[in-house]
């Protein structure tokens, strides 16, 4: 394996780690917003439609399950 190829592997691996971190942050923000939307009186279906999720999934988020 060339050194150049190993450097590319390192760069892609680092990029992957950053992407995973960004996804975790976005997931946490989305969970908070889903809970806020329920507290503000929005329906599960409206929240689900806005988030691109199912209504059962937004109930899971609201209830802290999974």
N, C-alpha and C. Protein backbone atom coordinates (compact mmCIF):
# COMPACT_ATOMS: atom_id res chain seq x y z
N UNK A 1 0.84 -1.19 0.00
CA UNK A 1 0.00 0.00 0.00
C UNK A 1 0.88 1.25 0.00
N UNK A 2 0.52 2.22 -0.79
CA UNK A 2 1.31 3.44 -0.84
C UNK A 2 0.99 4.34 0.35
N UNK A 3 1.95 5.20 0.69
CA UNK A 3 1.74 6.15 1.77
C UNK A 3 0.58 7.10 1.45
N UNK A 4 0.45 7.42 0.16
CA UNK A 4 -0.63 8.31 -0.28
C UNK A 4 -2.00 7.68 0.01
N UNK A 5 -2.12 6.43 -0.23
CA UNK A 5 -3.37 5.73 0.03
C UNK A 5 -3.68 5.70 1.52
N UNK A 6 -2.67 5.47 2.33
CA UNK A 6 -2.87 5.46 3.79
C UNK A 6 -3.30 6.84 4.28
N UNK A 7 -2.74 7.90 3.71
CA UNK A 7 -3.14 9.26 4.09
C UNK A 7 -4.60 9.52 3.71
N UNK A 8 -5.01 9.03 2.56
CA UNK A 8 -6.42 9.18 2.16
C UNK A 8 -7.33 8.45 3.13
N UNK A 9 -6.92 7.27 3.57
CA UNK A 9 -7.70 6.51 4.55
C UNK A 9 -7.84 7.31 5.83
N UNK A 10 -6.76 7.92 6.29
CA UNK A 10 -6.80 8.73 7.51
C UNK A 10 -7.76 9.91 7.35
N UNK A 11 -7.69 10.59 6.20
CA UNK A 11 -8.56 11.75 5.97
C UNK A 11 -10.02 11.36 5.93
N UNK A 12 -10.31 10.28 5.23
CA UNK A 12 -11.71 9.84 5.13
C UNK A 12 -12.22 9.37 6.48
N UNK A 13 -11.38 8.70 7.23
CA UNK A 13 -11.77 8.24 8.56
C UNK A 13 -12.08 9.43 9.47
N UNK A 14 -11.24 10.46 9.41
CA UNK A 14 -11.47 11.66 10.22
C UNK A 14 -12.76 12.36 9.78
N UNK A 15 -12.99 12.42 8.47
CA UNK A 15 -14.22 13.03 7.96
C UNK A 15 -15.44 12.25 8.43
N UNK A 16 -15.32 10.95 8.46
CA UNK A 16 -16.42 10.09 8.92
C UNK A 16 -16.73 10.34 10.39
N UNK A 17 -15.71 10.48 11.20
CA UNK A 17 -15.90 10.76 12.63
C UNK A 17 -16.60 12.10 12.81
N UNK A 18 -16.19 13.11 12.05
CA UNK A 18 -16.84 14.43 12.14
C UNK A 18 -18.31 14.34 11.73
N UNK A 19 -18.58 13.57 10.69
CA UNK A 19 -19.96 13.42 10.23
C UNK A 19 -20.82 12.73 11.29
N UNK A 20 -20.27 11.71 11.93
CA UNK A 20 -21.02 11.01 12.98
C UNK A 20 -21.32 11.95 14.13
N UNK A 21 -20.35 12.80 14.47
CA UNK A 21 -20.55 13.77 15.54
C UNK A 21 -21.65 14.76 15.17
N UNK A 22 -21.64 15.22 13.93
CA UNK A 22 -22.66 16.16 13.47
C UNK A 22 -24.04 15.51 13.51
N UNK A 23 -24.13 14.25 13.15
CA UNK A 23 -25.41 13.54 13.19
C UNK A 23 -25.91 13.43 14.62
N UNK A 24 -25.02 13.12 15.55
CA UNK A 24 -25.43 13.02 16.96
C UNK A 24 -25.98 14.35 17.45
N UNK A 25 -25.31 15.45 17.08
CA UNK A 25 -25.77 16.78 17.50
C UNK A 25 -27.13 17.10 16.88
N UNK A 26 -27.30 16.79 15.60
CA UNK A 26 -28.57 17.05 14.93
C UNK A 26 -29.69 16.20 15.53
N UNK A 27 -29.38 14.95 15.86
CA UNK A 27 -30.38 14.08 16.49
C UNK A 27 -30.82 14.64 17.84
N UNK A 28 -29.86 15.12 18.63
CA UNK A 28 -30.19 15.69 19.93
C UNK A 28 -31.05 16.94 19.77
N UNK A 29 -30.71 17.77 18.80
CA UNK A 29 -31.50 18.98 18.55
C UNK A 29 -32.91 18.61 18.09
N UNK A 30 -33.01 17.64 17.21
CA UNK A 30 -34.33 17.20 16.72
C UNK A 30 -35.18 16.66 17.86
N UNK A 31 -34.58 15.85 18.73
CA UNK A 31 -35.34 15.31 19.88
C UNK A 31 -35.89 16.45 20.74
N UNK A 32 -35.06 17.45 20.99
CA UNK A 32 -35.51 18.60 21.78
C UNK A 32 -36.63 19.36 21.10
N UNK A 33 -36.51 19.54 19.80
CA UNK A 33 -37.54 20.26 19.06
C UNK A 33 -38.85 19.48 19.00
N UNK A 34 -38.77 18.18 18.89
CA UNK A 34 -39.98 17.35 18.90
C UNK A 34 -40.69 17.52 20.24
N UNK A 35 -39.95 17.47 21.33
CA UNK A 35 -40.56 17.65 22.65
C UNK A 35 -41.16 19.05 22.79
N UNK A 36 -40.45 20.05 22.29
CA UNK A 36 -40.97 21.42 22.32
C UNK A 36 -42.27 21.53 21.53
N UNK A 37 -42.30 20.91 20.37
CA UNK A 37 -43.50 20.97 19.53
C UNK A 37 -44.69 20.33 20.22
N UNK A 38 -44.47 19.20 20.89
CA UNK A 38 -45.56 18.58 21.65
C UNK A 38 -46.02 19.53 22.76
N UNK A 39 -45.07 20.13 23.47
CA UNK A 39 -45.41 21.04 24.57
C UNK A 39 -46.17 22.27 24.06
N UNK A 40 -45.89 22.66 22.82
CA UNK A 40 -46.57 23.81 22.22
C UNK A 40 -47.94 23.46 21.65
N UNK A 41 -48.31 22.17 21.73
CA UNK A 41 -49.64 21.76 21.31
C UNK A 41 -49.76 21.23 19.89
N UNK A 42 -48.65 21.03 19.22
CA UNK A 42 -48.70 20.47 17.86
C UNK A 42 -49.06 18.99 17.93
N UNK A 43 -49.72 18.51 16.89
CA UNK A 43 -50.10 17.10 16.86
C UNK A 43 -48.91 16.24 16.47
N UNK A 44 -49.00 14.98 16.86
CA UNK A 44 -47.94 14.03 16.51
C UNK A 44 -47.80 13.93 15.00
N UNK A 45 -48.92 13.94 14.28
CA UNK A 45 -48.85 13.81 12.82
C UNK A 45 -48.18 15.02 12.19
N UNK A 46 -48.49 16.22 12.68
CA UNK A 46 -47.86 17.43 12.14
C UNK A 46 -46.36 17.42 12.39
N UNK A 47 -45.98 17.00 13.59
CA UNK A 47 -44.55 16.92 13.93
C UNK A 47 -43.88 15.87 13.06
N UNK A 48 -44.52 14.72 12.93
CA UNK A 48 -43.96 13.64 12.12
C UNK A 48 -43.78 14.08 10.67
N UNK A 49 -44.78 14.74 10.12
CA UNK A 49 -44.70 15.21 8.74
C UNK A 49 -43.55 16.20 8.57
N UNK A 50 -43.39 17.09 9.53
CA UNK A 50 -42.32 18.09 9.45
C UNK A 50 -40.94 17.46 9.56
N UNK A 51 -40.85 16.41 10.37
CA UNK A 51 -39.55 15.77 10.62
C UNK A 51 -39.23 14.64 9.65
N UNK A 52 -40.22 14.24 8.86
CA UNK A 52 -40.00 13.10 7.97
C UNK A 52 -39.94 11.79 8.72
N UNK A 53 -40.68 11.73 9.82
CA UNK A 53 -40.73 10.54 10.67
C UNK A 53 -42.16 10.05 10.76
N UNK A 54 -42.34 8.89 11.36
CA UNK A 54 -43.70 8.39 11.60
C UNK A 54 -44.22 8.96 12.92
N UNK A 55 -45.53 8.99 13.05
CA UNK A 55 -46.13 9.44 14.31
C UNK A 55 -45.68 8.58 15.48
N UNK A 56 -45.66 7.23 15.34
CA UNK A 56 -45.17 6.44 16.47
C UNK A 56 -43.74 6.80 16.87
N UNK A 57 -42.91 7.15 15.88
CA UNK A 57 -41.52 7.51 16.20
C UNK A 57 -41.46 8.81 16.99
N UNK A 58 -42.29 9.80 16.64
CA UNK A 58 -42.23 11.05 17.40
C UNK A 58 -42.77 10.85 18.82
N UNK A 59 -43.72 9.93 19.00
CA UNK A 59 -44.15 9.60 20.36
C UNK A 59 -43.00 8.95 21.14
N UNK A 60 -42.24 8.09 20.48
CA UNK A 60 -41.07 7.48 21.14
C UNK A 60 -40.09 8.56 21.57
N UNK A 61 -39.85 9.52 20.70
CA UNK A 61 -38.92 10.61 21.03
C UNK A 61 -39.48 11.41 22.20
N UNK A 62 -40.76 11.76 22.13
CA UNK A 62 -41.38 12.52 23.22
C UNK A 62 -41.23 11.82 24.56
N UNK A 63 -41.42 10.50 24.54
CA UNK A 63 -41.41 9.72 25.77
C UNK A 63 -40.01 9.26 26.18
N UNK A 64 -39.00 9.61 25.39
CA UNK A 64 -37.63 9.23 25.73
C UNK A 64 -37.32 7.76 25.51
N UNK A 65 -38.08 7.13 24.64
CA UNK A 65 -37.84 5.71 24.34
C UNK A 65 -37.03 5.61 23.06
N UNK A 66 -35.98 4.82 23.11
CA UNK A 66 -35.11 4.58 21.96
C UNK A 66 -34.48 5.80 21.43
